[in-house]
PDB file of N, CA and C in Angstrom:
ATOM      1  N   MET A   1      41.546  -1.521   5.034  1.00  0.00           N
ATOM      2  CA  MET A   1      41.844  -2.677   5.871  1.00  0.00           C
ATOM      3  C   MET A   1      43.087  -2.437   6.737  1.00  0.00           C
ATOM      4  N   GLU A   2      44.156  -1.884   6.144  1.00  0.00           N
ATOM      5  CA  GLU A   2      45.374  -1.647   6.899  1.00  0.00           C
ATOM      6  C   GLU A   2      45.128  -0.691   8.058  1.00  0.00           C
ATOM      7  N   GLN A   3      44.278   0.310   7.831  1.00  0.00           N
ATOM      8  CA  GLN A   3      44.012   1.297   8.875  1.00  0.00           C
ATOM      9  C   GLN A   3      43.346   0.649  10.091  1.00  0.00           C
ATOM     10  N   SER A   4      42.411  -0.260   9.857  1.00  0.00           N
ATOM     11  CA  SER A   4      41.752  -0.915  10.992  1.00  0.00           C
ATOM     12  C   SER A   4      42.727  -1.817  11.740  1.00  0.00           C
ATOM     13  N   ARG A   5      43.647  -2.455  11.024  1.00  0.00           N
ATOM     14  CA  ARG A   5      44.670  -3.264  11.697  1.00  0.00           C
ATOM     15  C   ARG A   5      45.558  -2.379  12.552  1.00  0.00           C
ATOM     16  N   LEU A   6      45.926  -1.224  12.012  1.00  0.00           N
ATOM     17  CA  LEU A   6      46.773  -0.293  12.747  1.00  0.00           C
ATOM     18  C   LEU A   6      46.067   0.186  14.019  1.00  0.00           C
ATOM     19  N   VAL A   7      44.786   0.486  13.903  1.00  0.00           N
ATOM     20  CA  VAL A   7      44.003   0.892  15.079  1.00  0.00           C
ATOM     21  C   VAL A   7      43.972  -0.248  16.101  1.00  0.00           C
ATOM     22  N   ASN A   8      43.789  -1.478  15.628  1.00  0.00           N
ATOM     23  CA  ASN A   8      43.772  -2.627  16.538  1.00  0.00           C
ATOM     24  C   ASN A   8      45.107  -2.807  17.242  1.00  0.00           C
ATOM     25  N   PHE A   9      46.210  -2.625  16.507  1.00  0.00           N
ATOM     26  CA  PHE A   9      47.530  -2.731  17.126  1.00  0.00           C
ATOM     27  C   PHE A   9      47.712  -1.677  18.209  1.00  0.00           C
ATOM     28  N   HIS A  10      47.334  -0.448  17.904  1.00  0.00           N
ATOM     29  CA  HIS A  10      47.480   0.633  18.885  1.00  0.00           C
ATOM     30  C   HIS A  10      46.594   0.390  20.114  1.00  0.00           C
ATOM     31  N   THR A  11      45.386  -0.099  19.884  1.00  0.00           N
ATOM     32  CA  THR A  11      44.480  -0.393  20.999  1.00  0.00           C
ATOM     33  C   THR A  11      45.039  -1.507  21.881  1.00  0.00           C
ATOM     34  N   ALA A  12      45.520  -2.561  21.248  1.00  0.00           N
ATOM     35  CA  ALA A  12      46.096  -3.674  22.004  1.00  0.00           C
ATOM     36  C   ALA A  12      47.310  -3.217  22.792  1.00  0.00           C
ATOM     37  N   ARG A  13      48.143  -2.388  22.166  1.00  0.00           N
ATOM     38  CA  ARG A  13      49.333  -1.885  22.837  1.00  0.00           C
ATOM     39  C   ARG A  13      48.955  -1.057  24.064  1.00  0.00           C
ATOM     40  N   GLN A  14      47.953  -0.216  23.917  1.00  0.00           N
ATOM     41  CA  GLN A  14      47.505   0.623  25.035  1.00  0.00           C
ATOM     42  C   GLN A  14      47.002  -0.238  26.195  1.00  0.00           C
ATOM     43  N   HIS A  15      46.225  -1.264  25.879  1.00  0.00           N
ATOM     44  CA  HIS A  15      45.712  -2.154  26.929  1.00  0.00           C
ATOM     45  C   HIS A  15      46.856  -2.860  27.656  1.00  0.00           C
ATOM     46  N   LEU A  16      47.827  -3.333  26.890  1.00  0.00           N
ATOM     47  CA  LEU A  16      48.967  -4.003  27.511  1.00  0.00           C
ATOM     48  C   LEU A  16      49.784  -3.050  28.369  1.00  0.00           C
ATOM     49  N   ALA A  17      49.983  -1.829  27.896  1.00  0.00           N
ATOM     50  CA  ALA A  17      50.737  -0.836  28.671  1.00  0.00           C
ATOM     51  C   ALA A  17      50.022  -0.527  29.980  1.00  0.00           C
ATOM     52  N   GLU A  18      48.703  -0.433  29.930  1.00  0.00           N
ATOM     53  CA  GLU A  18      47.928  -0.192  31.151  1.00  0.00           C
ATOM     54  C   GLU A  18      48.050  -1.368  32.114  1.00  0.00           C
ATOM     55  N   ARG A  19      47.985  -2.571  31.573  1.00  0.00           N
ATOM     56  CA  ARG A  19      48.106  -3.764  32.417  1.00  0.00           C
ATOM     57  C   ARG A  19      49.490  -3.821  33.059  1.00  0.00           C
ATOM     58  N   ARG A  20      50.521  -3.507  32.265  1.00  0.00           N
ATOM     59  CA  ARG A  20      51.890  -3.483  32.788  1.00  0.00           C
ATOM     60  C   ARG A  20      52.002  -2.479  33.939  1.00  0.00           C
ATOM     61  N   SER A  21      51.431  -1.294  33.762  1.00  0.00           N
ATOM     62  CA  SER A  21      51.484  -0.272  34.811  1.00  0.00           C
ATOM     63  C   SER A  21      50.787  -0.735  36.081  1.00  0.00           C
ATOM     64  N   THR A  22      49.663  -1.390  35.923  1.00  0.00           N
ATOM     65  CA  THR A  22      48.928  -1.895  37.078  1.00  0.00           C
ATOM     66  C   THR A  22      49.756  -2.923  37.849  1.00  0.00           C
ATOM     67  N   ILE A  23      50.391  -3.829  37.128  1.00  0.00           N
ATOM     68  CA  ILE A  23      51.204  -4.847  37.780  1.00  0.00           C
ATOM     69  C   ILE A  23      52.395  -4.208  38.488  1.00  0.00           C
ATOM     70  N   ILE A  24      52.998  -3.223  37.867  1.00  0.00           N
ATOM     71  CA  ILE A  24      54.135  -2.539  38.487  1.00  0.00           C
ATOM     72  C   ILE A  24      53.696  -1.809  39.755  1.00  0.00           C
ATOM     73  N   GLU A  25      52.503  -1.224  39.746  1.00  0.00           N
ATOM     74  CA  GLU A  25      51.972  -0.586  40.959  1.00  0.00           C
ATOM     75  C   GLU A  25      51.821  -1.603  42.082  1.00  0.00           C
ATOM     76  N   VAL A  26      51.340  -2.785  41.764  1.00  0.00           N
ATOM     77  CA  VAL A  26      51.192  -3.844  42.758  1.00  0.00           C
ATOM     78  C   VAL A  26      52.563  -4.226  43.314  1.00  0.00           C
ATOM     79  N   LEU A  27      53.551  -4.350  42.429  1.00  0.00           N
ATOM     80  CA  LEU A  27      54.905  -4.669  42.879  1.00  0.00           C
ATOM     81  C   LEU A  27      55.456  -3.608  43.817  1.00  0.00           C
ATOM     82  N   ALA A  28      55.156  -2.363  43.534  1.00  0.00           N
ATOM     83  CA  ALA A  28      55.681  -1.262  44.337  1.00  0.00           C
ATOM     84  C   ALA A  28      55.050  -1.212  45.726  1.00  0.00           C
ATOM     85  N   ARG A  29      53.819  -1.668  45.836  1.00  0.00           N
ATOM     86  CA  ARG A  29      53.106  -1.587  47.115  1.00  0.00           C
ATOM     87  C   ARG A  29      53.592  -2.600  48.134  1.00  0.00           C
ATOM     88  N   ALA A  30      53.720  -3.826  47.725  1.00  0.00           N
ATOM     89  CA  ALA A  30      54.065  -4.869  48.695  1.00  0.00           C
ATOM     90  C   ALA A  30      54.934  -5.918  48.027  1.00  0.00           C
ATOM     91  N   TYR A  31      55.988  -6.258  48.706  1.00  0.00           N
ATOM     92  CA  TYR A  31      56.895  -7.261  48.179  1.00  0.00           C
ATOM     93  C   TYR A  31      56.669  -8.568  48.914  1.00  0.00           C
ATOM     94  N   GLN A  32      56.182  -9.552  48.173  1.00  0.00           N
ATOM     95  CA  GLN A  32      56.066 -10.916  48.682  1.00  0.00           C
ATOM     96  C   GLN A  32      56.723 -11.798  47.626  1.00  0.00           C
ATOM     97  N   ARG A  33      57.776 -12.447  47.989  1.00  0.00           N
ATOM     98  CA  ARG A  33      58.663 -13.115  47.025  1.00  0.00           C
ATOM     99  C   ARG A  33      57.923 -13.911  45.954  1.00  0.00           C
ATOM    100  N   GLU A  34      57.066 -14.829  46.322  1.00  0.00           N
ATOM    101  CA  GLU A  34      56.409 -15.689  45.344  1.00  0.00           C
ATOM    102  C   GLU A  34      55.503 -14.887  44.415  1.00  0.00           C
ATOM    103  N   GLN A  35      54.717 -13.996  44.987  1.00  0.00           N
ATOM    104  CA  GLN A  35      53.830 -13.178  44.165  1.00  0.00           C
ATOM    105  C   GLN A  35      54.635 -12.222  43.302  1.00  0.00           C
ATOM    106  N   SER A  36      55.672 -11.654  43.860  1.00  0.00           N
ATOM    107  CA  SER A  36      56.486 -10.707  43.116  1.00  0.00           C
ATOM    108  C   SER A  36      57.152 -11.374  41.922  1.00  0.00           C
ATOM    109  N   ASP A  37      57.647 -12.586  42.104  1.00  0.00           N
ATOM    110  CA  ASP A  37      58.257 -13.302  40.988  1.00  0.00           C
ATOM    111  C   ASP A  37      57.243 -13.532  39.872  1.00  0.00           C
ATOM    112  N   ALA A  38      56.026 -13.880  40.238  1.00  0.00           N
ATOM    113  CA  ALA A  38      54.983 -14.085  39.235  1.00  0.00           C
ATOM    114  C   ALA A  38      54.647 -12.778  38.526  1.00  0.00           C
ATOM    115  N   HIS A  39      54.588 -11.695  39.285  1.00  0.00           N
ATOM    116  CA  HIS A  39      54.298 -10.394  38.685  1.00  0.00           C
ATOM    117  C   HIS A  39      55.429  -9.950  37.753  1.00  0.00           C
ATOM    118  N   ILE A  40      56.651 -10.185  38.158  1.00  0.00           N
ATOM    119  CA  ILE A  40      57.789  -9.841  37.308  1.00  0.00           C
ATOM    120  C   ILE A  40      57.732 -10.625  36.003  1.00  0.00           C
ATOM    121  N   ASP A  41      57.404 -11.911  36.093  1.00  0.00           N
ATOM    122  CA  ASP A  41      57.267 -12.726  34.883  1.00  0.00           C
ATOM    123  C   ASP A  41      56.185 -12.161  33.965  1.00  0.00           C
ATOM    124  N   MET A  42      55.075 -11.716  34.554  1.00  0.00           N
ATOM    125  CA  MET A  42      54.004 -11.124  33.739  1.00  0.00           C
ATOM    126  C   MET A  42      54.462  -9.845  33.061  1.00  0.00           C
ATOM    127  N   VAL A  43      55.197  -9.004  33.792  1.00  0.00           N
ATOM    128  CA  VAL A  43      55.691  -7.753  33.217  1.00  0.00           C
ATOM    129  C   VAL A  43      56.621  -8.055  32.037  1.00  0.00           C
ATOM    130  N   ILE A  44      57.485  -9.041  32.196  1.00  0.00           N
ATOM    131  CA  ILE A  44      58.411  -9.414  31.115  1.00  0.00           C
ATOM    132  C   ILE A  44      57.638  -9.885  29.888  1.00  0.00           C
ATOM    133  N   LYS A  45      56.635 -10.721  30.086  1.00  0.00           N
ATOM    134  CA  LYS A  45      55.825 -11.214  28.961  1.00  0.00           C
ATOM    135  C   LYS A  45      55.055 -10.081  28.298  1.00  0.00           C
ATOM    136  N   ILE A  46      54.496  -9.195  29.099  1.00  0.00           N
ATOM    137  CA  ILE A  46      53.750  -8.061  28.551  1.00  0.00           C
ATOM    138  C   ILE A  46      54.690  -7.156  27.760  1.00  0.00           C
ATOM    139  N   GLN A  47      55.877  -6.900  28.298  1.00  0.00           N
ATOM    140  CA  GLN A  47      56.839  -6.050  27.594  1.00  0.00           C
ATOM    141  C   GLN A  47      57.234  -6.673  26.263  1.00  0.00           C
ATOM    142  N   ALA A  48      57.428  -7.974  26.231  1.00  0.00           N
ATOM    143  CA  ALA A  48      57.759  -8.654  24.978  1.00  0.00           C
ATOM    144  C   ALA A  48      56.620  -8.496  23.969  1.00  0.00           C
ATOM    145  N   ALA A  49      55.390  -8.622  24.431  1.00  0.00           N
ATOM    146  CA  ALA A  49      54.241  -8.449  23.541  1.00  0.00           C
ATOM    147  C   ALA A  49      54.171  -7.018  23.016  1.00  0.00           C
ATOM    148  N   ILE A  50      54.435  -6.053  23.869  1.00  0.00           N
ATOM    149  CA  ILE A  50      54.431  -4.643  23.446  1.00  0.00           C
ATOM    150  C   ILE A  50      55.488  -4.420  22.361  1.00  0.00           C
ATOM    151  N   GLU A  51      56.661  -4.989  22.548  1.00  0.00           N
ATOM    152  CA  GLU A  51      57.728  -4.823  21.564  1.00  0.00           C
ATOM    153  C   GLU A  51      57.357  -5.463  20.221  1.00  0.00           C
ATOM    154  N   ILE A  52      56.695  -6.599  20.264  1.00  0.00           N
ATOM    155  CA  ILE A  52      56.232  -7.246  19.035  1.00  0.00           C
ATOM    156  C   ILE A  52      55.183  -6.379  18.342  1.00  0.00           C
ATOM    157  N   ILE A  53      54.276  -5.833  19.124  1.00  0.00           N
ATOM    158  CA  ILE A  53      53.248  -4.957  18.556  1.00  0.00           C
ATOM    159  C   ILE A  53      53.879  -3.696  17.976  1.00  0.00           C
ATOM    160  N   ASP A  54      54.865  -3.121  18.660  1.00  0.00           N
ATOM    161  CA  ASP A  54      55.568  -1.950  18.132  1.00  0.00           C
ATOM    162  C   ASP A  54      56.188  -2.260  16.771  1.00  0.00           C
ATOM    163  N   LYS A  55      56.790  -3.433  16.651  1.00  0.00           N
ATOM    164  CA  LYS A  55      57.383  -3.841  15.374  1.00  0.00           C
ATOM    165  C   LYS A  55      56.303  -3.969  14.303  1.00  0.00           C
ATOM    166  N   ALA A  56      55.180  -4.572  14.652  1.00  0.00           N
ATOM    167  CA  ALA A  56      54.087  -4.731  13.703  1.00  0.00           C
ATOM    168  C   ALA A  56      53.520  -3.374  13.280  1.00  0.00           C
ATOM    169  N   ILE A  57      53.420  -2.453  14.212  1.00  0.00           N
ATOM    170  CA  ILE A  57      52.941  -1.102  13.895  1.00  0.00           C
ATOM    171  C   ILE A  57      53.886  -0.455  12.879  1.00  0.00           C
ATOM    172  N   GLY A  58      55.179  -0.565  13.115  1.00  0.00           N
ATOM    173  CA  GLY A  58      56.162  -0.006  12.191  1.00  0.00           C
ATOM    174  C   GLY A  58      56.031  -0.610  10.803  1.00  0.00           C
ATOM    175  N   GLU A  59      55.846  -1.914  10.742  1.00  0.00           N
ATOM    176  CA  GLU A  59      55.684  -2.587   9.451  1.00  0.00           C
ATOM    177  C   GLU A  59      54.425  -2.116   8.738  1.00  0.00           C
ATOM    178  N   GLU A  60      53.340  -1.992   9.471  1.00  0.00           N
ATOM    179  CA  GLU A  60      52.086  -1.517   8.876  1.00  0.00           C
ATOM    180  C   GLU A  60      52.223  -0.089   8.369  1.00  0.00           C
ATOM    181  N   GLU A  61      52.879   0.754   9.152  1.00  0.00           N
ATOM    182  CA  GLU A  61      53.042   2.147   8.738  1.00  0.00           C
ATOM    183  C   GLU A  61      53.932   2.255   7.504  1.00  0.00           C
ATOM    184  N   ARG A  62      54.995   1.443   7.433  1.00  0.00           N
ATOM    185  CA  ARG A  62      55.851   1.459   6.246  1.00  0.00           C
ATOM    186  C   ARG A  62      55.097   0.941   5.025  1.00  0.00           C
ATOM    187  N   ALA A  63      54.305  -0.094   5.218  1.00  0.00           N
ATOM    188  CA  ALA A  63      53.531  -0.655   4.105  1.00  0.00           C
ATOM    189  C   ALA A  63      52.497   0.358   3.593  1.00  0.00           C
ATOM    190  N   ALA A  64      51.927   1.115   4.504  1.00  0.00           N
ATOM    191  CA  ALA A  64      50.916   2.104   4.106  1.00  0.00           C
ATOM    192  C   ALA A  64      51.533   3.250   3.322  1.00  0.00           C
ATOM    193  N   GLN A  65      52.818   3.528   3.518  1.00  0.00           N
ATOM    194  CA  GLN A  65      53.485   4.630   2.829  1.00  0.00           C
ATOM    195  C   GLN A  65      53.919   4.259   1.420  1.00  0.00           C
ATOM    196  N   GLN A  66      53.966   2.971   1.131  1.00  0.00           N
ATOM    197  CA  GLN A  66      54.407   2.538  -0.192  1.00  0.00           C
ATOM    198  C   GLN A  66      53.274   2.710  -1.192  1.00  0.00           C
ATOM    199  N   PRO A  67      53.651   3.129  -2.432  1.00  0.00           N
ATOM    200  CA  PRO A  67      52.606   3.355  -3.459  1.00  0.00           C
ATOM    201  C   PRO A  67      51.945   2.088  -3.932  1.00  0.00           C
TER     202      PRO A  67
END
């Protein structure tokens, strides 16, 4: 069970990282204040989610190492 959760965390993290990269590419192409502010907000939220997932991955990996 723990292994499938770990796989799900890694998959979710990868999807979020890809989404973050896509949004950053959009920001780099054209700067329009209102849209850019919304994109920046999305990047911040995605980064926060990635950090939470990273923490959860660490917890799962530590739990899996315990006897």
